[in-house]
Amino acid sequence: MASEAVLEFTEDNFDSEVLKSDVPVLVDFWAPWCGPCRAIAPMIDELAGDNSIAKVGKVNIDDAPSVAQSYGITAIPTLLLFKNGQVEQSFRGGNNSKSVLQDAIDAAL
């Protein structure tokens, strides 16, 4: 599925890996049954591989429903960019380009 560069965020590690991270974190809220989520997966893999400072990872909403609920995720894919434990930007749907997401990551560094 995802490349080794893509981190897996769970209910157990979300706080330590995302909210307490000292670098920006792009989080892809997804599910295996979601077609648009699968469609953007290669782009998420590329972003993870291209970013050596920022973190890029995924939250499977079926496995971590409380995390998704706490951020009001009502549609997937939804990507949230966290900086200093706060949502810096959000991107909803599968229509965001890699360059738009990379620009957001770069601005958060």
Protein backbone atom coordinates (compact mmCIF):
# COMPACT_ATOMS: atom_id res chain seq x y z
CA MET A 1 0.00 0.00 0.00
CA ALA A 2 1.93 3.05 1.22
CA SER A 3 5.65 3.52 0.87
CA GLU A 4 7.88 3.20 3.90
CA ALA A 5 8.16 7.00 4.04
CA VAL A 6 4.42 7.35 4.76
CA LEU A 7 3.82 7.14 8.49
CA GLU A 8 0.79 5.44 10.02
CA PHE A 9 -0.94 7.53 12.66
CA THR A 10 -3.23 5.75 15.10
CA GLU A 11 -5.26 6.60 18.18
CA ASP A 12 -2.23 5.48 20.21
CA ASN A 13 0.43 7.59 18.49
CA PHE A 14 -1.45 10.59 17.06
CA ASP A 15 -0.68 12.80 20.04
CA SER A 16 3.04 12.05 20.10
CA GLU A 17 3.61 11.86 16.33
CA VAL A 18 1.38 14.74 15.17
CA LEU A 19 0.32 17.06 17.97
CA LYS A 20 3.68 17.09 19.75
CA SER A 21 5.78 17.06 16.58
CA ASP A 22 8.38 19.80 16.28
CA VAL A 23 8.04 19.70 12.48
CA PRO A 24 4.98 20.18 10.25
CA VAL A 25 2.86 17.07 9.68
CA LEU A 26 0.58 16.41 6.70
CA VAL A 27 -2.12 13.92 7.71
CA ASP A 28 -4.24 12.09 5.14
CA PHE A 29 -7.54 10.89 6.62
CA TRP A 30 -8.57 7.94 4.46
CA ALA A 31 -10.16 4.48 4.33
CA PRO A 32 -9.33 1.42 2.22
CA TRP A 33 -12.81 1.37 0.66
CA CYS A 34 -12.53 5.00 -0.55
CA GLY A 35 -11.78 5.24 -4.28
CA PRO A 36 -10.53 8.86 -4.24
CA CYS A 37 -8.31 7.97 -1.25
CA ARG A 38 -6.70 5.18 -3.25
CA ALA A 39 -6.36 7.53 -6.23
CA ILE A 40 -4.29 10.08 -4.29
CA ALA A 41 -2.19 7.44 -2.48
CA PRO A 42 0.70 7.60 -5.01
CA MET A 43 0.86 11.38 -4.57
CA ILE A 44 0.95 10.99 -0.77
CA ASP A 45 3.77 8.46 -1.21
CA GLU A 46 5.69 10.95 -3.36
CA LEU A 47 5.18 13.78 -0.87
CA ALA A 48 6.43 11.55 1.95
CA GLY A 49 9.51 10.60 -0.04
CA ASP A 50 10.21 14.18 -1.11
CA ASN A 51 10.04 15.68 2.40
CA SER A 52 12.93 14.86 4.67
CA ILE A 53 11.98 17.40 7.35
CA ALA A 54 8.18 17.44 7.47
CA LYS A 55 6.24 14.27 8.28
CA VAL A 56 3.62 12.80 5.96
CA GLY A 57 1.27 10.11 7.19
CA LYS A 58 -2.19 8.61 7.15
CA VAL A 59 -5.02 7.98 9.57
CA ASN A 60 -7.32 5.11 8.64
CA ILE A 61 -10.67 6.47 9.84
CA ASP A 62 -12.03 2.94 10.30
CA ASP A 63 -9.18 2.08 12.68
CA ALA A 64 -9.01 5.47 14.43
CA PRO A 65 -12.55 6.85 14.47
CA SER A 66 -12.01 9.03 17.53
CA VAL A 67 -9.16 10.90 15.84
CA ALA A 68 -11.28 11.53 12.75
CA GLN A 69 -14.23 12.61 14.88
CA SER A 70 -12.14 15.02 16.95
CA TYR A 71 -11.22 16.90 13.76
CA GLY A 72 -14.71 16.84 12.27
CA ILE A 73 -13.77 14.64 9.35
CA THR A 74 -17.04 14.12 7.48
CA ALA A 75 -15.67 13.36 4.02
CA ILE A 76 -12.56 11.60 2.81
CA PRO A 77 -9.98 12.11 1.63
CA THR A 78 -9.33 15.06 3.89
CA LEU A 79 -5.78 16.23 4.46
CA LEU A 80 -4.83 18.38 7.43
CA LEU A 81 -1.50 20.15 7.77
CA PHE A 82 -0.49 20.47 11.41
CA LYS A 83 2.10 22.89 12.76
CA ASN A 84 2.87 23.18 16.47
CA GLY A 85 -0.05 20.87 17.27
CA GLN A 86 -2.61 23.03 15.47
CA VAL A 87 -4.32 22.64 12.10
CA GLU A 88 -2.55 25.08 9.79
CA GLN A 89 -4.45 24.21 6.59
CA SER A 90 -7.03 21.72 5.42
CA PHE A 91 -7.62 20.17 2.02
CA ARG A 92 -10.80 18.27 1.25
CA GLY A 93 -11.33 15.86 -1.60
CA GLY A 94 -9.00 14.30 -4.10
CA ASN A 95 -8.58 17.32 -6.36
CA ASN A 96 -5.59 18.97 -4.71
CA SER A 97 -2.38 18.86 -6.71
CA LYS A 98 0.94 17.71 -5.35
CA SER A 99 2.36 21.20 -5.90
CA VAL A 100 -0.40 22.83 -3.81
CA LEU A 101 0.25 20.41 -0.96
CA GLN A 102 4.03 20.80 -1.26
CA ASP A 103 3.70 24.60 -1.22
CA ALA A 104 1.66 24.34 1.99
CA ILE A 105 4.28 22.09 3.58
CA ASP A 106 7.09 24.44 2.50
CA ALA A 107 5.25 27.46 3.92
CA ALA A 108 4.85 25.66 7.26
CA LEU A 109 8.57 24.85 7.58
